[in-house]
Amino acid sequence: MEFIQDIFITGIIMPNNWDENGKVTEIAIYTNTEEIYVLEDNSLNQKLFGLLQKKVELRGKIRLKPDGNRTISAHNYIELDETFGNE
């Protein structure tokens, strides 16, 4: 069974999967509580691909898959000032 919940989440956009040529094919948001949410493919993904290693706040629907993985279908986002590694 799949659990769906609307949520705001803050974290860093990071690569999560690559093709055989090393091109990023999937991204995820990594939170400061060590949770990983794979971003579902939707109209915002191209913009979010441009924000790799940036801190963002996402609003969307989280799905908990039967295998325990979490995904998020982002509805909107705000880019935050911090970037990964500048703390």
Protein backbone atom coordinates (compact mmCIF):
# COMPACT_ATOMS: atom_id res chain seq x y z
CA MET A 1 0.00 0.00 0.00
CA GLU A 2 1.17 3.50 -0.80
CA PHE A 3 0.92 6.29 1.76
CA ILE A 4 0.54 9.85 0.41
CA GLN A 5 0.99 13.04 2.43
CA ASP A 6 1.31 16.76 1.57
CA ILE A 7 4.44 18.26 3.13
CA PHE A 8 7.03 21.02 3.14
CA ILE A 9 10.57 19.65 3.14
CA THR A 10 13.98 21.36 3.24
CA GLY A 11 17.19 19.85 1.96
CA ILE A 12 19.91 19.71 -0.69
CA ILE A 13 19.17 18.67 -4.29
CA MET A 14 21.64 15.91 -5.17
CA PRO A 15 22.15 13.45 -8.03
CA ASN A 16 20.57 10.08 -7.27
CA ASN A 17 21.13 8.10 -10.49
CA TRP A 18 23.30 8.35 -13.61
CA ASP A 19 23.29 6.85 -17.11
CA GLU A 20 26.21 4.90 -18.61
CA ASN A 21 27.81 8.18 -19.76
CA GLY A 22 27.75 9.73 -16.29
CA LYS A 23 24.82 12.07 -17.01
CA VAL A 24 22.50 12.63 -14.05
CA THR A 25 19.15 10.97 -14.79
CA GLU A 26 17.48 11.21 -11.37
CA ILE A 27 17.68 13.66 -8.51
CA ALA A 28 16.68 13.52 -4.86
CA ILE A 29 16.40 15.86 -1.94
CA TYR A 30 18.61 14.96 1.02
CA THR A 31 17.38 16.38 4.33
CA ASN A 32 19.42 17.30 7.40
CA THR A 33 17.78 14.36 9.19
CA GLU A 34 19.38 11.94 6.69
CA GLU A 35 16.13 11.23 4.84
CA ILE A 36 16.24 10.88 1.06
CA TYR A 37 13.26 11.64 -1.17
CA VAL A 38 13.59 10.83 -4.88
CA LEU A 39 11.98 13.54 -7.00
CA GLU A 40 9.22 12.19 -9.22
CA ASP A 41 9.32 13.27 -12.84
CA ASN A 42 7.03 16.26 -13.36
CA SER A 43 7.07 19.77 -14.85
CA LEU A 44 9.38 21.16 -12.12
CA ASN A 45 12.14 18.59 -12.60
CA GLN A 46 14.05 20.52 -15.30
CA LYS A 47 14.25 23.55 -13.00
CA LEU A 48 15.27 21.39 -10.04
CA PHE A 49 17.99 19.68 -12.12
CA GLY A 50 19.48 23.17 -12.44
CA LEU A 51 19.68 23.44 -8.65
CA LEU A 52 22.05 20.54 -7.96
CA GLN A 53 23.86 21.02 -4.63
CA LYS A 54 21.56 23.92 -3.71
CA LYS A 55 19.42 24.11 -0.59
CA VAL A 56 15.71 24.32 -1.32
CA GLU A 57 12.36 24.10 0.36
CA LEU A 58 9.92 21.92 -1.56
CA ARG A 59 6.18 21.60 -1.21
CA GLY A 60 4.66 18.45 -2.59
CA LYS A 61 3.19 15.04 -2.07
CA ILE A 62 5.35 12.39 -0.43
CA ARG A 63 4.74 8.78 -1.28
CA LEU A 64 6.01 5.96 0.89
CA LYS A 65 6.53 2.98 -1.40
CA PRO A 66 6.03 -0.63 -0.26
CA ASP A 67 9.81 -1.17 -0.45
CA GLY A 68 10.32 1.63 2.10
CA ASN A 69 11.66 4.22 -0.38
CA ARG A 70 10.22 7.72 -0.34
CA THR A 71 9.45 9.90 -3.35
CA ILE A 72 8.15 13.43 -3.63
CA SER A 73 6.11 15.01 -6.39
CA ALA A 74 7.08 18.67 -6.02
CA HIS A 75 4.39 21.31 -6.58
CA ASN A 76 6.58 24.34 -5.93
CA TYR A 77 9.92 25.26 -4.44
CA ILE A 78 11.95 28.10 -2.98
CA GLU A 79 15.72 28.24 -3.46
CA LEU A 80 17.37 29.05 -0.15
CA ASP A 81 20.59 31.06 0.21
CA GLU A 82 22.84 28.29 1.49
CA THR A 83 24.69 25.88 -0.76
CA PHE A 84 26.16 22.53 0.19
CA GLY A 85 29.64 22.84 1.63
CA ASN A 86 29.50 26.52 2.59
CA GLU A 87 28.67 26.02 6.25
